[in-house]
Structure formats: C-alpha cells, structure tokens
Amino acid sequence: MEAELSTHLGYKKHESKPEGQSNSRNGYSQKKVQGDFGVAEIVVPRDRQGEFEPQLVKKGQNRLSGLDEKIIALYARGMSVRDIQAQLQEMYGVEVSPTLISNVTDEVIDEVKQCALPSP
C-alpha cells in the first residue's frame, strides 16, 4: 500500500515533495478486516488531504478478499507460518497472527485429506 500512496502523491517515502504538491503522507491508520478464516489487522497509510484510497482495502471495506488464497499460495510454495506472516506484512502491511495462518492452512489440509479418501 506504500507503493500505491507513492504513486498517488507522485513521490516515494523519504523523498522531497515535488514542487507544487500540497498533499503529503500523514501516518497510518489501523483497520481490522475479516477474511474467510478470521480477522486480520492491517496498517493503512494516510495522506494529509484524505484523498488516498488503497486498492487492496478500500475505504469502508471490512472484508479482505483474497487473503486466504494468498496464504494458501505461500504455504504451497513451502513457506513456514512465520515466513508467511513476514511476507504478508512486507507486501501488504497486514498483521496476521500465526493462529490465523494455521487455521487457513489446516482447513486446506483437511479438504485435501477428504478428497484423497477412497469413495465407498
């Protein structure tokens, strides 16, 4: 979301504002969003004029679509729970608990086991 804000403002974090740019970064807000398997807390960057709306989680949105799929994709690549947690934090600013990640992966493992059972 930092990259989205940089694009919106026209300059990267820690760079000088372009001449004539009146808008600037204004910290972060925390937001809780619901995924298929639980609640995640994310950190959303803000701009001073309140014009920035991230595409990942729009204003007023309380459901994060695709988070569970991202967790499953990272898990399928062999990443550990802590690696997945760090990757989601780095890419999306999403604070996801190890318990939530485990719940998502356990659900998938259970579904795979059910599919692997021979039919009667």
PDB file of N, CA and C in Angstrom:
ATOM      1  N   MET A   1       0.823  -1.187   0.000  1.00  0.00           N
ATOM      2  CA  MET A   1       0.000   0.000   0.000  1.00  0.00           C
ATOM      3  C   MET A   1       0.868   1.253   0.000  1.00  0.00           C
ATOM      4  N   GLU A   2       2.109   1.117   0.497  1.00  0.00           N
ATOM      5  CA  GLU A   2       3.032   2.255   0.453  1.00  0.00           C
ATOM      6  C   GLU A   2       3.294   2.669  -0.991  1.00  0.00           C
ATOM      7  N   ALA A   3       3.462   1.665  -1.872  1.00  0.00           N
ATOM      8  CA  ALA A   3       3.719   1.967  -3.287  1.00  0.00           C
ATOM      9  C   ALA A   3       2.515   2.676  -3.905  1.00  0.00           C
ATOM     10  N   GLU A   4       1.319   2.265  -3.507  1.00  0.00           N
ATOM     11  CA  GLU A   4       0.109   2.923  -4.014  1.00  0.00           C
ATOM     12  C   GLU A   4       0.079   4.384  -3.587  1.00  0.00           C
ATOM     13  N   LEU A   5       0.437   4.642  -2.324  1.00  0.00           N
ATOM     14  CA  LEU A   5       0.444   6.020  -1.828  1.00  0.00           C
ATOM     15  C   LEU A   5       1.518   6.832  -2.546  1.00  0.00           C
ATOM     16  N   SER A   6       2.685   6.235  -2.772  1.00  0.00           N
ATOM     17  CA  SER A   6       3.751   6.935  -3.504  1.00  0.00           C
ATOM     18  C   SER A   6       3.284   7.325  -4.901  1.00  0.00           C
ATOM     19  N   THR A   7       2.590   6.422  -5.559  1.00  0.00           N
ATOM     20  CA  THR A   7       2.061   6.708  -6.896  1.00  0.00           C
ATOM     21  C   THR A   7       1.027   7.827  -6.828  1.00  0.00           C
ATOM     22  N   HIS A   8       0.162   7.770  -5.827  1.00  0.00           N
ATOM     23  CA  HIS A   8      -0.883   8.786  -5.653  1.00  0.00           C
ATOM     24  C   HIS A   8      -0.267  10.174  -5.423  1.00  0.00           C
ATOM     25  N   LEU A   9       0.770  10.229  -4.583  1.00  0.00           N
ATOM     26  CA  LEU A   9       1.377  11.514  -4.235  1.00  0.00           C
ATOM     27  C   LEU A   9       2.381  11.999  -5.275  1.00  0.00           C
ATOM     28  N   GLY A  10       2.958  11.066  -6.026  1.00  0.00           N
ATOM     29  CA  GLY A  10       3.947  11.455  -7.027  1.00  0.00           C
ATOM     30  C   GLY A  10       5.373  11.480  -6.517  1.00  0.00           C
ATOM     31  N   TYR A  11       5.623  10.927  -5.343  1.00  0.00           N
ATOM     32  CA  TYR A  11       6.989  10.817  -4.820  1.00  0.00           C
ATOM     33  C   TYR A  11       7.050   9.693  -3.795  1.00  0.00           C
ATOM     34  N   LYS A  12       8.254   9.112  -3.650  1.00  0.00           N
ATOM     35  CA  LYS A  12       8.447   7.997  -2.735  1.00  0.00           C
ATOM     36  C   LYS A  12       8.661   8.487  -1.308  1.00  0.00           C
ATOM     37  N   LYS A  13       8.450   7.580  -0.366  1.00  0.00           N
ATOM     38  CA  LYS A  13       8.674   7.880   1.046  1.00  0.00           C
ATOM     39  C   LYS A  13      10.128   8.310   1.234  1.00  0.00           C
ATOM     40  N   HIS A  14      10.355   9.301   2.056  1.00  0.00           N
ATOM     41  CA  HIS A  14      11.670   9.864   2.384  1.00  0.00           C
ATOM     42  C   HIS A  14      12.262  10.700   1.249  1.00  0.00           C
ATOM     43  N   GLU A  15      11.505  10.947   0.181  1.00  0.00           N
ATOM     44  CA  GLU A  15      11.946  11.856  -0.873  1.00  0.00           C
ATOM     45  C   GLU A  15      11.266  13.203  -0.656  1.00  0.00           C
ATOM     46  N   SER A  16      11.842  14.239  -1.233  1.00  0.00           N
ATOM     47  CA  SER A  16      11.231  15.569  -1.146  1.00  0.00           C
ATOM     48  C   SER A  16       9.974  15.612  -2.006  1.00  0.00           C
ATOM     49  N   LYS A  17       9.004  16.394  -1.536  1.00  0.00           N
ATOM     50  CA  LYS A  17       7.778  16.576  -2.321  1.00  0.00           C
ATOM     51  C   LYS A  17       8.106  17.337  -3.598  1.00  0.00           C
ATOM     52  N   PRO A  18       7.457  16.975  -4.695  1.00  0.00           N
ATOM     53  CA  PRO A  18       7.641  17.758  -5.923  1.00  0.00           C
ATOM     54  C   PRO A  18       7.098  19.180  -5.721  1.00  0.00           C
ATOM     55  N   GLU A  19       7.669  20.102  -6.429  1.00  0.00           N
ATOM     56  CA  GLU A  19       7.220  21.486  -6.334  1.00  0.00           C
ATOM     57  C   GLU A  19       5.752  21.576  -6.746  1.00  0.00           C
ATOM     58  N   GLY A  20       4.967  22.271  -5.972  1.00  0.00           N
ATOM     59  CA  GLY A  20       3.550  22.431  -6.268  1.00  0.00           C
ATOM     60  C   GLY A  20       2.663  21.350  -5.670  1.00  0.00           C
ATOM     61  N   GLN A  21       3.253  20.341  -5.065  1.00  0.00           N
ATOM     62  CA  GLN A  21       2.475  19.259  -4.443  1.00  0.00           C
ATOM     63  C   GLN A  21       2.091  19.693  -3.032  1.00  0.00           C
ATOM     64  N   SER A  22       0.804  19.855  -2.776  1.00  0.00           N
ATOM     65  CA  SER A  22       0.358  20.302  -1.452  1.00  0.00           C
ATOM     66  C   SER A  22       0.033  19.134  -0.531  1.00  0.00           C
ATOM     67  N   ASN A  23      -0.189  17.962  -1.083  1.00  0.00           N
ATOM     68  CA  ASN A  23      -0.553  16.791  -0.286  1.00  0.00           C
ATOM     69  C   ASN A  23       0.709  16.062   0.165  1.00  0.00           C
ATOM     70  N   SER A  24       0.632  15.392   1.312  1.00  0.00           N
ATOM     71  CA  SER A  24       1.788  14.652   1.827  1.00  0.00           C
ATOM     72  C   SER A  24       1.320  13.476   2.670  1.00  0.00           C
ATOM     73  N   ARG A  25       2.267  12.637   3.051  1.00  0.00           N
ATOM     74  CA  ARG A  25       1.959  11.495   3.917  1.00  0.00           C
ATOM     75  C   ARG A  25       1.511  12.004   5.284  1.00  0.00           C
ATOM     76  N   ASN A  26       0.651  11.209   5.937  1.00  0.00           N
ATOM     77  CA  ASN A  26       0.136  11.625   7.240  1.00  0.00           C
ATOM     78  C   ASN A  26      -0.031  10.417   8.154  1.00  0.00           C
ATOM     79  N   GLY A  27       1.007   9.605   8.268  1.00  0.00           N
ATOM     80  CA  GLY A  27       0.970   8.481   9.196  1.00  0.00           C
ATOM     81  C   GLY A  27       0.160   7.308   8.676  1.00  0.00           C
ATOM     82  N   TYR A  28      -0.398   6.579   9.631  1.00  0.00           N
ATOM     83  CA  TYR A  28      -1.112   5.343   9.314  1.00  0.00           C
ATOM     84  C   TYR A  28      -2.368   5.238  10.165  1.00  0.00           C
ATOM     85  N   SER A  29      -3.302   4.459   9.678  1.00  0.00           N
ATOM     86  CA  SER A  29      -4.456   4.096  10.497  1.00  0.00           C
ATOM     87  C   SER A  29      -4.518   2.576  10.534  1.00  0.00           C
ATOM     88  N   GLN A  30      -5.052   2.038  11.625  1.00  0.00           N
ATOM     89  CA  GLN A  30      -5.195   0.592  11.745  1.00  0.00           C
ATOM     90  C   GLN A  30      -6.626   0.220  11.417  1.00  0.00           C
ATOM     91  N   LYS A  31      -6.759  -0.943  10.817  1.00  0.00           N
ATOM     92  CA  LYS A  31      -8.072  -1.390  10.389  1.00  0.00           C
ATOM     93  C   LYS A  31      -8.150  -2.895  10.571  1.00  0.00           C
ATOM     94  N   LYS A  32      -9.276  -3.372  11.078  1.00  0.00           N
ATOM     95  CA  LYS A  32      -9.497  -4.812  11.193  1.00  0.00           C
ATOM     96  C   LYS A  32     -10.368  -5.248  10.031  1.00  0.00           C
ATOM     97  N   VAL A  33      -9.919  -6.300   9.360  1.00  0.00           N
ATOM     98  CA  VAL A  33     -10.672  -6.834   8.229  1.00  0.00           C
ATOM     99  C   VAL A  33     -10.906  -8.319   8.429  1.00  0.00           C
ATOM    100  N   GLN A  34     -12.021  -8.770   7.927  1.00  0.00           N
ATOM    101  CA  GLN A  34     -12.423 -10.167   8.062  1.00  0.00           C
ATOM    102  C   GLN A  34     -12.025 -10.931   6.809  1.00  0.00           C
ATOM    103  N   GLY A  35     -11.379 -12.064   6.999  1.00  0.00           N
ATOM    104  CA  GLY A  35     -11.096 -12.997   5.903  1.00  0.00           C
ATOM    105  C   GLY A  35     -12.006 -14.195   6.076  1.00  0.00           C
ATOM    106  N   ASP A  36     -11.856 -15.191   5.238  1.00  0.00           N
ATOM    107  CA  ASP A  36     -12.702 -16.377   5.345  1.00  0.00           C
ATOM    108  C   ASP A  36     -12.483 -17.129   6.651  1.00  0.00           C
ATOM    109  N   PHE A  37     -11.266 -17.058   7.192  1.00  0.00           N
ATOM    110  CA  PHE A  37     -10.946 -17.867   8.366  1.00  0.00           C
ATOM    111  C   PHE A  37     -10.634 -17.053   9.616  1.00  0.00           C
ATOM    112  N   GLY A  38     -10.874 -15.761   9.618  1.00  0.00           N
ATOM    113  CA  GLY A  38     -10.620 -14.980  10.817  1.00  0.00           C
ATOM    114  C   GLY A  38     -10.384 -13.512  10.518  1.00  0.00           C
ATOM    115  N   VAL A  39     -10.019 -12.774  11.574  1.00  0.00           N
ATOM    116  CA  VAL A  39      -9.813 -11.333  11.496  1.00  0.00           C
ATOM    117  C   VAL A  39      -8.321 -11.037  11.402  1.00  0.00           C
ATOM    118  N   ALA A  40      -7.960 -10.097  10.537  1.00  0.00           N
ATOM    119  CA  ALA A  40      -6.580  -9.637  10.411  1.00  0.00           C
ATOM    120  C   ALA A  40      -6.562  -8.135  10.657  1.00  0.00           C
ATOM    121  N   GLU A  41      -5.481  -7.648  11.251  1.00  0.00           N
ATOM    122  CA  GLU A  41      -5.327  -6.217  11.471  1.00  0.00           C
ATOM    123  C   GLU A  41      -4.316  -5.694  10.463  1.00  0.00           C
ATOM    124  N   ILE A  42      -4.685  -4.651   9.751  1.00  0.00           N
ATOM    125  CA  ILE A  42      -3.780  -4.083   8.760  1.00  0.00           C
ATOM    126  C   ILE A  42      -3.479  -2.630   9.100  1.00  0.00           C
ATOM    127  N   VAL A  43      -2.376  -2.149   8.564  1.00  0.00           N
ATOM    128  CA  VAL A  43      -1.953  -0.770   8.741  1.00  0.00           C
ATOM    129  C   VAL A  43      -2.070  -0.095   7.378  1.00  0.00           C
ATOM    130  N   VAL A  44      -2.864   0.956   7.312  1.00  0.00           N
ATOM    131  CA  VAL A  44      -3.136   1.636   6.046  1.00  0.00           C
ATOM    132  C   VAL A  44      -2.494   3.022   6.078  1.00  0.00           C
ATOM    133  N   PRO A  45      -1.629   3.333   5.096  1.00  0.00           N
ATOM    134  CA  PRO A  45      -1.038   4.675   5.060  1.00  0.00           C
ATOM    135  C   PRO A  45      -2.099   5.723   4.719  1.00  0.00           C
ATOM    136  N   ARG A  46      -1.892   6.938   5.250  1.00  0.00           N
ATOM    137  CA  ARG A  46      -2.849   8.025   5.002  1.00  0.00           C
ATOM    138  C   ARG A  46      -2.141   9.204   4.352  1.00  0.00           C
ATOM    139  N   ASP A  47      -2.917  10.026   3.672  1.00  0.00           N
ATOM    140  CA  ASP A  47      -2.393  11.291   3.163  1.00  0.00           C
ATOM    141  C   ASP A  47      -3.098  12.430   3.894  1.00  0.00           C
ATOM    142  N   ARG A  48      -2.444  13.570   3.931  1.00  0.00           N
ATOM    143  CA  ARG A  48      -2.949  14.704   4.711  1.00  0.00           C
ATOM    144  C   ARG A  48      -4.315  15.186   4.232  1.00  0.00           C
ATOM    145  N   GLN A  49      -4.571  15.132   2.940  1.00  0.00           N
ATOM    146  CA  GLN A  49      -5.841  15.630   2.406  1.00  0.00           C
ATOM    147  C   GLN A  49      -6.944  14.575   2.399  1.00  0.00           C
ATOM    148  N   GLY A  50      -6.628  13.355   2.810  1.00  0.00           N
ATOM    149  CA  GLY A  50      -7.636  12.299   2.897  1.00  0.00           C
ATOM    150  C   GLY A  50      -8.158  11.814   1.559  1.00  0.00           C
ATOM    151  N   GLU A  51      -7.378  11.997   0.508  1.00  0.00           N
ATOM    152  CA  GLU A  51      -7.805  11.603  -0.838  1.00  0.00           C
ATOM    153  C   GLU A  51      -7.386  10.186  -1.208  1.00  0.00           C
ATOM    154  N   PHE A  52      -6.378   9.650  -0.520  1.00  0.00           N
ATOM    155  CA  PHE A  52      -5.825   8.346  -0.891  1.00  0.00           C
ATOM    156  C   PHE A  52      -6.766   7.213  -0.512  1.00  0.00           C
ATOM    157  N   GLU A  53      -7.053   6.349  -1.499  1.00  0.00           N
ATOM    158  CA  GLU A  53      -7.853   5.152  -1.254  1.00  0.00           C
ATOM    159  C   GLU A  53      -7.104   3.956  -1.827  1.00  0.00           C
ATOM    160  N   PRO A  54      -6.546   3.109  -0.952  1.00  0.00           N
ATOM    161  CA  PRO A  54      -5.806   1.949  -1.459  1.00  0.00           C
ATOM    162  C   PRO A  54      -6.718   0.996  -2.217  1.00  0.00           C
ATOM    163  N   GLN A  55      -6.152   0.306  -3.192  1.00  0.00           N
ATOM    164  CA  GLN A  55      -6.927  -0.646  -3.979  1.00  0.00           C
ATOM    165  C   GLN A  55      -7.083  -1.975  -3.257  1.00  0.00           C
ATOM    166  N   LEU A  56      -6.099  -2.332  -2.416  1.00  0.00           N
ATOM    167  CA  LEU A  56      -6.161  -3.603  -1.690  1.00  0.00           C
ATOM    168  C   LEU A  56      -7.334  -3.614  -0.718  1.00  0.00           C
ATOM    169  N   VAL A  57      -7.468  -2.551   0.066  1.00  0.00           N
ATOM    170  CA  VAL A  57      -8.571  -2.430   1.028  1.00  0.00           C
ATOM    171  C   VAL A  57      -9.129  -1.017   0.906  1.00  0.00           C
ATOM    172  N   LYS A  58     -10.258  -0.896   0.276  1.00  0.00           N
ATOM    173  CA  LYS A  58     -10.855   0.418   0.049  1.00  0.00           C
ATOM    174  C   LYS A  58     -11.479   0.969   1.332  1.00  0.00           C
ATOM    175  N   LYS A  59     -11.720   2.272   1.341  1.00  0.00           N
ATOM    176  CA  LYS A  59     -12.362   2.902   2.493  1.00  0.00           C
ATOM    177  C   LYS A  59     -13.710   2.248   2.743  1.00  0.00           C
ATOM    178  N   GLY A  60     -13.999   1.946   3.999  1.00  0.00           N
ATOM    179  CA  GLY A  60     -15.268   1.334   4.370  1.00  0.00           C
ATOM    180  C   GLY A  60     -15.305  -0.171   4.195  1.00  0.00           C
ATOM    181  N   GLN A  61     -14.298  -0.722   3.553  1.00  0.00           N
ATOM    182  CA  GLN A  61     -14.262  -2.173   3.333  1.00  0.00           C
ATOM    183  C   GLN A  61     -13.810  -2.862   4.616  1.00  0.00           C
ATOM    184  N   ASN A  62     -14.540  -3.879   5.038  1.00  0.00           N
ATOM    185  CA  ASN A  62     -14.155  -4.599   6.250  1.00  0.00           C
ATOM    186  C   ASN A  62     -13.892  -6.075   5.965  1.00  0.00           C
ATOM    187  N   ARG A  63     -13.861  -6.403   4.709  1.00  0.00           N
ATOM    188  CA  ARG A  63     -13.570  -7.784   4.309  1.00  0.00           C
ATOM    189  C   ARG A  63     -12.413  -7.755   3.318  1.00  0.00           C
ATOM    190  N   LEU A  64     -11.404  -8.557   3.578  1.00  0.00           N
ATOM    191  CA  LEU A  64     -10.217  -8.590   2.727  1.00  0.00           C
ATOM    192  C   LEU A  64     -10.306  -9.791   1.804  1.00  0.00           C
ATOM    193  N   SER A  65     -10.707  -9.537   0.575  1.00  0.00           N
ATOM    194  CA  SER A  65     -10.861 -10.642  -0.372  1.00  0.00           C
ATOM    195  C   SER A  65      -9.494 -11.114  -0.841  1.00  0.00           C
ATOM    196  N   GLY A  66      -9.364 -12.412  -0.938  1.00  0.00           N
ATOM    197  CA  GLY A  66      -8.140 -12.990  -1.461  1.00  0.00           C
ATOM    198  C   GLY A  66      -7.042 -13.246  -0.455  1.00  0.00           C
ATOM    199  N   LEU A  67      -7.200 -12.802   0.796  1.00  0.00           N
ATOM    200  CA  LEU A  67      -6.141 -13.013   1.789  1.00  0.00           C
ATOM    201  C   LEU A  67      -5.909 -14.500   2.009  1.00  0.00           C
ATOM    202  N   ASP A  68      -6.975 -15.249   2.136  1.00  0.00           N
ATOM    203  CA  ASP A  68      -6.835 -16.683   2.382  1.00  0.00           C
ATOM    204  C   ASP A  68      -6.134 -17.366   1.209  1.00  0.00           C
ATOM    205  N   GLU A  69      -6.466 -16.945  -0.009  1.00  0.00           N
ATOM    206  CA  GLU A  69      -5.821 -17.518  -1.189  1.00  0.00           C
ATOM    207  C   GLU A  69      -4.332 -17.196  -1.213  1.00  0.00           C
ATOM    208  N   LYS A  70      -3.974 -15.980  -0.774  1.00  0.00           N
ATOM    209  CA  LYS A  70      -2.559 -15.605  -0.722  1.00  0.00           C
ATOM    210  C   LYS A  70      -1.821 -16.472   0.303  1.00  0.00           C
ATOM    211  N   ILE A  71      -2.442 -16.697   1.461  1.00  0.00           N
ATOM    212  CA  ILE A  71      -1.837 -17.546   2.494  1.00  0.00           C
ATOM    213  C   ILE A  71      -1.628 -18.950   1.946  1.00  0.00           C
ATOM    214  N   ILE A  72      -2.636 -19.493   1.283  1.00  0.00           N
ATOM    215  CA  ILE A  72      -2.548 -20.851   0.731  1.00  0.00           C
ATOM    216  C   ILE A  72      -1.453 -20.929  -0.334  1.00  0.00           C
ATOM    217  N   ALA A  73      -1.367 -19.919  -1.193  1.00  0.00           N
ATOM    218  CA  ALA A  73      -0.347 -19.916  -2.246  1.00  0.00           C
ATOM    219  C   ALA A  73       1.060 -19.893  -1.649  1.00  0.00           C
ATOM    220  N   LEU A  74       1.260 -19.088  -0.614  1.00  0.00           N
ATOM    221  CA  LEU A  74       2.575 -19.027   0.033  1.00  0.00           C
ATOM    222  C   LEU A  74       2.894 -20.341   0.738  1.00  0.00           C
ATOM    223  N   TYR A  75       1.898 -20.925   1.377  1.00  0.00           N
ATOM    224  CA  TYR A  75       2.074 -22.209   2.057  1.00  0.00           C
ATOM    225  C   TYR A  75       2.416 -23.304   1.048  1.00  0.00           C
ATOM    226  N   ALA A  76       1.765 -23.274  -0.098  1.00  0.00           N
ATOM    227  CA  ALA A  76       2.010 -24.273  -1.145  1.00  0.00           C
ATOM    228  C   ALA A  76       3.431 -24.174  -1.696  1.00  0.00           C
ATOM    229  N   ARG A  77       4.035 -23.005  -1.557  1.00  0.00           N
ATOM    230  CA  ARG A  77       5.424 -22.826  -2.001  1.00  0.00           C
ATOM    231  C   ARG A  77       6.425 -23.265  -0.936  1.00  0.00           C
ATOM    232  N   GLY A  78       5.905 -23.830   0.155  1.00  0.00           N
ATOM    233  CA  GLY A  78       6.781 -24.365   1.192  1.00  0.00           C
ATOM    234  C   GLY A  78       7.185 -23.378   2.271  1.00  0.00           C
ATOM    235  N   MET A  79       6.530 -22.223   2.329  1.00  0.00           N
ATOM    236  CA  MET A  79       6.886 -21.231   3.344  1.00  0.00           C
ATOM    237  C   MET A  79       6.323 -21.633   4.700  1.00  0.00           C
ATOM    238  N   SER A  80       7.074 -21.310   5.750  1.00  0.00           N
ATOM    239  CA  SER A  80       6.620 -21.580   7.116  1.00  0.00           C
ATOM    240  C   SER A  80       5.592 -20.531   7.521  1.00  0.00           C
ATOM    241  N   VAL A  81       4.933 -20.778   8.635  1.00  0.00           N
ATOM    242  CA  VAL A  81       3.937 -19.824   9.151  1.00  0.00           C
ATOM    243  C   VAL A  81       4.591 -18.470   9.393  1.00  0.00           C
ATOM    244  N   ARG A  82       5.765 -18.456  10.006  1.00  0.00           N
ATOM    245  CA  ARG A  82       6.455 -17.180  10.282  1.00  0.00           C
ATOM    246  C   ARG A  82       6.886 -16.480   8.986  1.00  0.00           C
ATOM    247  N   ASP A  83       7.315 -17.267   7.993  1.00  0.00           N
ATOM    248  CA  ASP A  83       7.682 -16.679   6.699  1.00  0.00           C
ATOM    249  C   ASP A  83       6.464 -16.053   6.021  1.00  0.00           C
ATOM    250  N   ILE A  84       5.340 -16.744   6.084  1.00  0.00           N
ATOM    251  CA  ILE A  84       4.093 -16.220   5.500  1.00  0.00           C
ATOM    252  C   ILE A  84       3.700 -14.929   6.210  1.00  0.00           C
ATOM    253  N   GLN A  85       3.796 -14.943   7.529  1.00  0.00           N
ATOM    254  CA  GLN A  85       3.461 -13.763   8.331  1.00  0.00           C
ATOM    255  C   GLN A  85       4.337 -12.574   7.906  1.00  0.00           C
ATOM    256  N   ALA A  86       5.639 -12.803   7.775  1.00  0.00           N
ATOM    257  CA  ALA A  86       6.568 -11.737   7.389  1.00  0.00           C
ATOM    258  C   ALA A  86       6.296 -11.252   5.963  1.00  0.00           C
ATOM    259  N   GLN A  87       5.999 -12.173   5.069  1.00  0.00           N
ATOM    260  CA  GLN A  87       5.737 -11.818   3.668  1.00  0.00           C
ATOM    261  C   GLN A  87       4.485 -10.951   3.541  1.00  0.00           C
ATOM    262  N   LEU A  88       3.416 -11.310   4.236  1.00  0.00           N
ATOM    263  CA  LEU A  88       2.180 -10.525   4.188  1.00  0.00           C
ATOM    264  C   LEU A  88       2.393  -9.141   4.793  1.00  0.00           C
ATOM    265  N   GLN A  89       3.191  -9.062   5.857  1.00  0.00           N
ATOM    266  CA  GLN A  89       3.496  -7.776   6.480  1.00  0.00           C
ATOM    267  C   GLN A  89       4.273  -6.894   5.505  1.00  0.00           C
ATOM    268  N   GLU A  90       5.271  -7.480   4.866  1.00  0.00           N
ATOM    269  CA  GLU A  90       6.115  -6.721   3.947  1.00  0.00           C
ATOM    270  C   GLU A  90       5.347  -6.263   2.707  1.00  0.00           C
ATOM    271  N   MET A  91       4.553  -7.152   2.133  1.00  0.00           N
ATOM    272  CA  MET A  91       3.864  -6.835   0.883  1.00  0.00           C
ATOM    273  C   MET A  91       2.629  -5.963   1.059  1.00  0.00           C
ATOM    274  N   TYR A  92       1.848  -6.238   2.112  1.00  0.00           N
ATOM    275  CA  TYR A  92       0.545  -5.585   2.238  1.00  0.00           C
ATOM    276  C   TYR A  92       0.364  -4.776   3.518  1.00  0.00           C
ATOM    277  N   GLY A  93       1.345  -4.824   4.429  1.00  0.00           N
ATOM    278  CA  GLY A  93       1.182  -4.145   5.705  1.00  0.00           C
ATOM    279  C   GLY A  93       0.142  -4.816   6.575  1.00  0.00           C
ATOM    280  N   VAL A  94      -0.064  -6.115   6.365  1.00  0.00           N
ATOM    281  CA  VAL A  94      -1.094  -6.864   7.079  1.00  0.00           C
ATOM    282  C   VAL A  94      -0.465  -7.611   8.242  1.00  0.00           C
ATOM    283  N   GLU A  95      -0.971  -7.366   9.448  1.00  0.00           N
ATOM    284  CA  GLU A  95      -0.534  -8.090  10.640  1.00  0.00           C
ATOM    285  C   GLU A  95      -1.439  -9.300  10.796  1.00  0.00           C
ATOM    286  N   VAL A  96      -0.936 -10.462  10.437  1.00  0.00           N
ATOM    287  CA  VAL A  96      -1.724 -11.686  10.507  1.00  0.00           C
ATOM    288  C   VAL A  96      -1.127 -12.579  11.583  1.00  0.00           C
ATOM    289  N   SER A  97      -1.963 -13.066  12.480  1.00  0.00           N
ATOM    290  CA  SER A  97      -1.469 -13.911  13.569  1.00  0.00           C
ATOM    291  C   SER A  97      -1.089 -15.289  13.051  1.00  0.00           C
ATOM    292  N   PRO A  98      -0.114 -15.942  13.706  1.00  0.00           N
ATOM    293  CA  PRO A  98       0.230 -17.316  13.336  1.00  0.00           C
ATOM    294  C   PRO A  98      -0.978 -18.251  13.438  1.00  0.00           C
ATOM    295  N   THR A  99      -1.861 -17.985  14.393  1.00  0.00           N
ATOM    296  CA  THR A  99      -3.059 -18.810  14.560  1.00  0.00           C
ATOM    297  C   THR A  99      -3.955 -18.725  13.331  1.00  0.00           C
ATOM    298  N   LEU A 100      -4.153 -17.525  12.797  1.00  0.00           N
ATOM    299  CA  LEU A 100      -4.980 -17.355  11.604  1.00  0.00           C
ATOM    300  C   LEU A 100      -4.367 -18.109  10.425  1.00  0.00           C
ATOM    301  N   ILE A 101      -3.060 -17.984  10.242  1.00  0.00           N
ATOM    302  CA  ILE A 101      -2.386 -18.685   9.143  1.00  0.00           C
ATOM    303  C   ILE A 101      -2.559 -20.187   9.303  1.00  0.00           C
ATOM    304  N   SER A 102      -2.370 -20.683  10.519  1.00  0.00           N
ATOM    305  CA  SER A 102      -2.537 -22.120  10.776  1.00  0.00           C
ATOM    306  C   SER A 102      -3.966 -22.573  10.512  1.00  0.00           C
ATOM    307  N   ASN A 103      -4.941 -21.765  10.907  1.00  0.00           N
ATOM    308  CA  ASN A 103      -6.348 -22.112  10.657  1.00  0.00           C
ATOM    309  C   ASN A 103      -6.628 -22.237   9.161  1.00  0.00           C
ATOM    310  N   VAL A 104      -6.086 -21.312   8.374  1.00  0.00           N
ATOM    311  CA  VAL A 104      -6.296 -21.345   6.924  1.00  0.00           C
ATOM    312  C   VAL A 104      -5.645 -22.588   6.327  1.00  0.00           C
ATOM    313  N   THR A 105      -4.386 -22.833   6.681  1.00  0.00           N
ATOM    314  CA  THR A 105      -3.684 -23.987   6.101  1.00  0.00           C
ATOM    315  C   THR A 105      -4.273 -25.304   6.590  1.00  0.00           C
ATOM    316  N   ASP A 106      -4.687 -25.365   7.855  1.00  0.00           N
ATOM    317  CA  ASP A 106      -5.305 -26.593   8.383  1.00  0.00           C
ATOM    318  C   ASP A 106      -6.599 -26.921   7.646  1.00  0.00           C
ATOM    319  N   GLU A 107      -7.377 -25.894   7.337  1.00  0.00           N
ATOM    320  CA  GLU A 107      -8.633 -26.095   6.610  1.00  0.00           C
ATOM    321  C   GLU A 107      -8.366 -26.704   5.233  1.00  0.00           C
ATOM    322  N   VAL A 108      -7.341 -26.202   4.570  1.00  0.00           N
ATOM    323  CA  VAL A 108      -6.992 -26.726   3.249  1.00  0.00           C
ATOM    324  C   VAL A 108      -6.496 -28.163   3.359  1.00  0.00           C
ATOM    325  N   ILE A 109      -5.664 -28.428   4.351  1.00  0.00           N
ATOM    326  CA  ILE A 109      -5.151 -29.791   4.554  1.00  0.00           C
ATOM    327  C   ILE A 109      -6.308 -30.752   4.794  1.00  0.00           C
ATOM    328  N   ASP A 110      -7.284 -30.344   5.606  1.00  0.00           N
ATOM    329  CA  ASP A 110      -8.456 -31.189   5.866  1.00  0.00           C
ATOM    330  C   ASP A 110      -9.228 -31.472   4.576  1.00  0.00           C
ATOM    331  N   GLU A 111      -9.388 -30.444   3.732  1.00  0.00           N
ATOM    332  CA  GLU A 111     -10.104 -30.631   2.465  1.00  0.00           C
ATOM    333  C   GLU A 111      -9.350 -31.588   1.544  1.00  0.00           C
ATOM    334  N   VAL A 112      -8.025 -31.466   1.504  1.00  0.00           N
ATOM    335  CA  VAL A 112      -7.214 -32.353   0.666  1.00  0.00           C
ATOM    336  C   VAL A 112      -7.337 -33.790   1.152  1.00  0.00           C
ATOM    337  N   LYS A 113      -7.308 -33.975   2.469  1.00  0.00           N
ATOM    338  CA  LYS A 113      -7.439 -35.325   3.032  1.00  0.00           C
ATOM    339  C   LYS A 113      -8.793 -35.930   2.674  1.00  0.00           C
ATOM    340  N   GLN A 114      -9.853 -35.123   2.731  1.00  0.00           N
ATOM    341  CA  GLN A 114     -11.191 -35.613   2.386  1.00  0.00           C
ATOM    342  C   GLN A 114     -11.257 -36.031   0.914  1.00  0.00           C
ATOM    343  N   CYS A 115     -10.614 -35.281   0.056  1.00  0.00           N
ATOM    344  CA  CYS A 115     -10.611 -35.607  -1.378  1.00  0.00           C
ATOM    345  C   CYS A 115      -9.796 -36.869  -1.657  1.00  0.00           C
ATOM    346  N   ALA A 116      -8.789 -37.120  -0.823  1.00  0.00           N
ATOM    347  CA  ALA A 116      -7.904 -38.266  -1.038  1.00  0.00           C
ATOM    348  C   ALA A 116      -8.505 -39.577  -0.538  1.00  0.00           C
ATOM    349  N   LEU A 117      -9.550 -39.492   0.285  1.00  0.00           N
ATOM    350  CA  LEU A 117     -10.176 -40.714   0.794  1.00  0.00           C
ATOM    351  C   LEU A 117     -10.859 -41.466  -0.338  1.00  0.00           C
ATOM    352  N   PRO A 118     -10.719 -42.787  -0.345  1.00  0.00           N
ATOM    353  CA  PRO A 118     -11.408 -43.550  -1.391  1.00  0.00           C
ATOM    354  C   PRO A 118     -12.920 -43.471  -1.192  1.00  0.00           C
ATOM    355  N   SER A 119     -13.646 -43.387  -2.282  1.00  0.00           N
ATOM    356  CA  SER A 119     -15.109 -43.318  -2.172  1.00  0.00           C
ATOM    357  C   SER A 119     -15.661 -44.716  -1.891  1.00  0.00           C
ATOM    358  N   PRO A 120     -16.742 -44.796  -1.073  1.00  0.00           N
ATOM    359  CA  PRO A 120     -17.290 -46.103  -0.676  1.00  0.00           C
ATOM    360  C   PRO A 120     -17.944 -46.846  -1.812  1.00  0.00           C
TER     361      PRO A 120
END
